[in-house]
Amino acid sequence: MKKFFLVLLFASFLTGCAVSFGPGEGTDKLADASQQSLQSEFAVGVASRDDVASKLGAPDSKTTAGSFEIWTYRYVRRAAVALVVVATPVGTTKTATFYFDDKTGLLKRVDFESHHG
C-alpha cells in the first residue's frame, strides 16, 4: 500500500497542471463587486436608475414585476484547469440585480450572487 502511494505521488509530480484564464464577459465593473460594496455605492431609497446606469452602464436585462422595474447585470470570468489531458472548467460568475420603484425610479433593493467553480 505504501508503495502505491509513493508511485501515485511521483506520478502527480510528473503530470503538472496548467490554468488558463479567459477575458471577463459582461459588466466588468462587477469583477471586484460584493453585496456590501454595491449597497454602499447605491443607497436604497436614494439611488436612482440614472445613478446605476451612469456607473454600471446599460443592464444586461430589464423586467417588470408588480411595482418594480428589475435590472440585472452579469459578469463571467471563465478559466480552465488542465491536468494531463483532462480539463476542468472553473471561473467566476457574478450577478447583481437592482429593484427600482416603477413610479419614482428609486432603488428599493440590491441582490448580489457570486459563484466560483
Protein backbone atom coordinates (compact mmCIF):
# COMPACT_ATOMS: atom_id res chain seq x y z
CA MET A 1 0.00 0.00 0.00
CA LYS A 2 2.85 2.34 0.87
CA LYS A 3 4.45 1.65 -2.50
CA PHE A 4 1.19 2.52 -4.29
CA PHE A 5 1.03 5.95 -2.63
CA LEU A 6 4.67 6.65 -3.48
CA VAL A 7 4.01 5.82 -7.14
CA LEU A 8 0.90 8.00 -7.08
CA LEU A 9 2.83 10.88 -5.52
CA PHE A 10 5.62 10.56 -8.10
CA ALA A 11 3.08 10.46 -10.96
CA SER A 12 1.42 13.62 -9.68
CA PHE A 13 4.76 15.45 -9.88
CA LEU A 14 5.18 14.36 -13.49
CA THR A 15 1.70 15.32 -14.71
CA GLY A 16 1.74 19.04 -13.96
CA CYS A 17 -1.16 21.38 -14.23
CA ALA A 18 -2.00 24.45 -16.27
CA VAL A 19 -4.51 27.20 -15.63
CA SER A 20 -5.86 29.31 -18.45
CA PHE A 21 -7.97 32.43 -17.81
CA GLY A 22 -10.14 33.97 -20.48
CA PRO A 23 -11.22 37.61 -20.57
CA GLY A 24 -14.20 38.62 -18.46
CA GLU A 25 -17.57 38.92 -20.17
CA GLY A 26 -20.38 41.24 -19.21
CA THR A 27 -20.21 44.20 -16.85
CA ASP A 28 -16.51 44.47 -15.92
CA LYS A 29 -17.34 46.77 -13.00
CA LEU A 30 -18.79 43.74 -11.19
CA ALA A 31 -15.42 41.94 -11.28
CA ASP A 32 -14.49 43.17 -7.79
CA ALA A 33 -18.03 43.79 -6.51
CA SER A 34 -19.70 42.33 -3.43
CA GLN A 35 -23.10 42.73 -1.79
CA GLN A 36 -21.58 45.20 0.67
CA SER A 37 -19.79 47.28 -1.97
CA LEU A 38 -22.94 47.59 -4.09
CA GLN A 39 -25.08 48.53 -1.10
CA SER A 40 -22.61 51.21 -0.01
CA GLU A 41 -22.29 52.59 -3.55
CA PHE A 42 -26.03 52.55 -4.28
CA ALA A 43 -28.06 53.55 -1.21
CA VAL A 44 -31.57 52.10 -1.06
CA GLY A 45 -34.19 54.86 -1.25
CA VAL A 46 -31.60 57.36 -2.54
CA ALA A 47 -30.00 55.93 -5.71
CA SER A 48 -31.98 56.16 -8.92
CA ARG A 49 -31.97 54.28 -12.20
CA ASP A 50 -29.82 57.08 -13.65
CA ASP A 51 -27.24 56.66 -10.85
CA VAL A 52 -26.90 52.94 -11.50
CA ALA A 53 -26.81 53.36 -15.30
CA SER A 54 -24.14 56.07 -15.09
CA LYS A 55 -21.83 53.83 -13.03
CA LEU A 56 -22.57 50.38 -14.48
CA GLY A 57 -23.89 51.17 -17.96
CA ALA A 58 -26.94 49.59 -19.55
CA PRO A 59 -28.19 46.44 -17.79
CA ASP A 60 -27.99 43.03 -19.43
CA SER A 61 -31.73 42.65 -18.93
CA LYS A 62 -34.74 44.63 -17.72
CA THR A 63 -38.02 43.17 -16.49
CA THR A 64 -41.07 44.38 -14.61
CA ALA A 65 -42.72 42.56 -11.70
CA GLY A 66 -45.60 44.23 -9.91
CA SER A 67 -44.49 47.73 -8.93
CA PHE A 68 -40.78 47.00 -9.55
CA GLU A 69 -38.55 47.51 -12.55
CA ILE A 70 -35.74 44.96 -12.25
CA TRP A 71 -32.33 45.46 -13.81
CA THR A 72 -29.84 42.60 -13.97
CA TYR A 73 -26.10 42.87 -14.60
CA ARG A 74 -23.82 39.86 -15.14
CA TYR A 75 -20.09 39.26 -15.13
CA VAL A 76 -18.45 35.96 -16.07
CA ARG A 77 -14.75 35.09 -15.97
CA ARG A 78 -14.00 31.66 -17.33
CA ALA A 79 -10.91 29.60 -16.73
CA ALA A 80 -9.83 26.02 -17.27
CA VAL A 81 -7.53 23.86 -15.19
CA ALA A 82 -5.84 21.14 -17.19
CA LEU A 83 -4.38 18.03 -15.57
CA VAL A 84 -2.62 15.89 -18.17
CA VAL A 85 -5.38 15.74 -20.85
CA VAL A 86 -8.43 16.38 -18.67
CA ALA A 87 -9.64 19.98 -18.49
CA THR A 88 -11.99 21.12 -15.77
CA PRO A 89 -13.82 24.42 -16.31
CA VAL A 90 -13.63 26.83 -13.41
CA GLY A 91 -14.24 30.54 -13.08
CA THR A 92 -16.43 33.17 -11.51
CA THR A 93 -19.99 34.23 -12.25
CA LYS A 94 -21.41 37.35 -10.61
CA THR A 95 -24.95 38.65 -10.90
CA ALA A 96 -26.24 41.95 -9.50
CA THR A 97 -29.98 42.61 -9.51
CA PHE A 98 -31.40 46.06 -8.81
CA TYR A 99 -35.06 46.58 -7.90
CA PHE A 100 -36.43 50.06 -8.61
CA ASP A 101 -39.81 51.53 -7.70
CA ASP A 102 -41.55 51.68 -11.07
CA LYS A 103 -43.11 55.11 -10.36
CA THR A 104 -40.32 57.01 -8.58
CA GLY A 105 -37.33 55.24 -10.16
CA LEU A 106 -35.62 54.97 -6.75
CA LEU A 107 -33.70 51.89 -5.72
CA LYS A 108 -35.60 49.59 -3.36
CA ARG A 109 -33.28 46.58 -3.11
CA VAL A 110 -29.97 45.16 -4.39
CA ASP A 111 -29.25 41.42 -4.62
CA PHE A 112 -25.81 40.04 -5.42
CA GLU A 113 -24.73 36.47 -6.16
CA SER A 114 -21.23 35.16 -6.77
CA HIS A 115 -20.38 31.60 -7.78
CA HIS A 116 -16.91 30.11 -8.13
CA GLY A 117 -16.07 26.90 -9.86
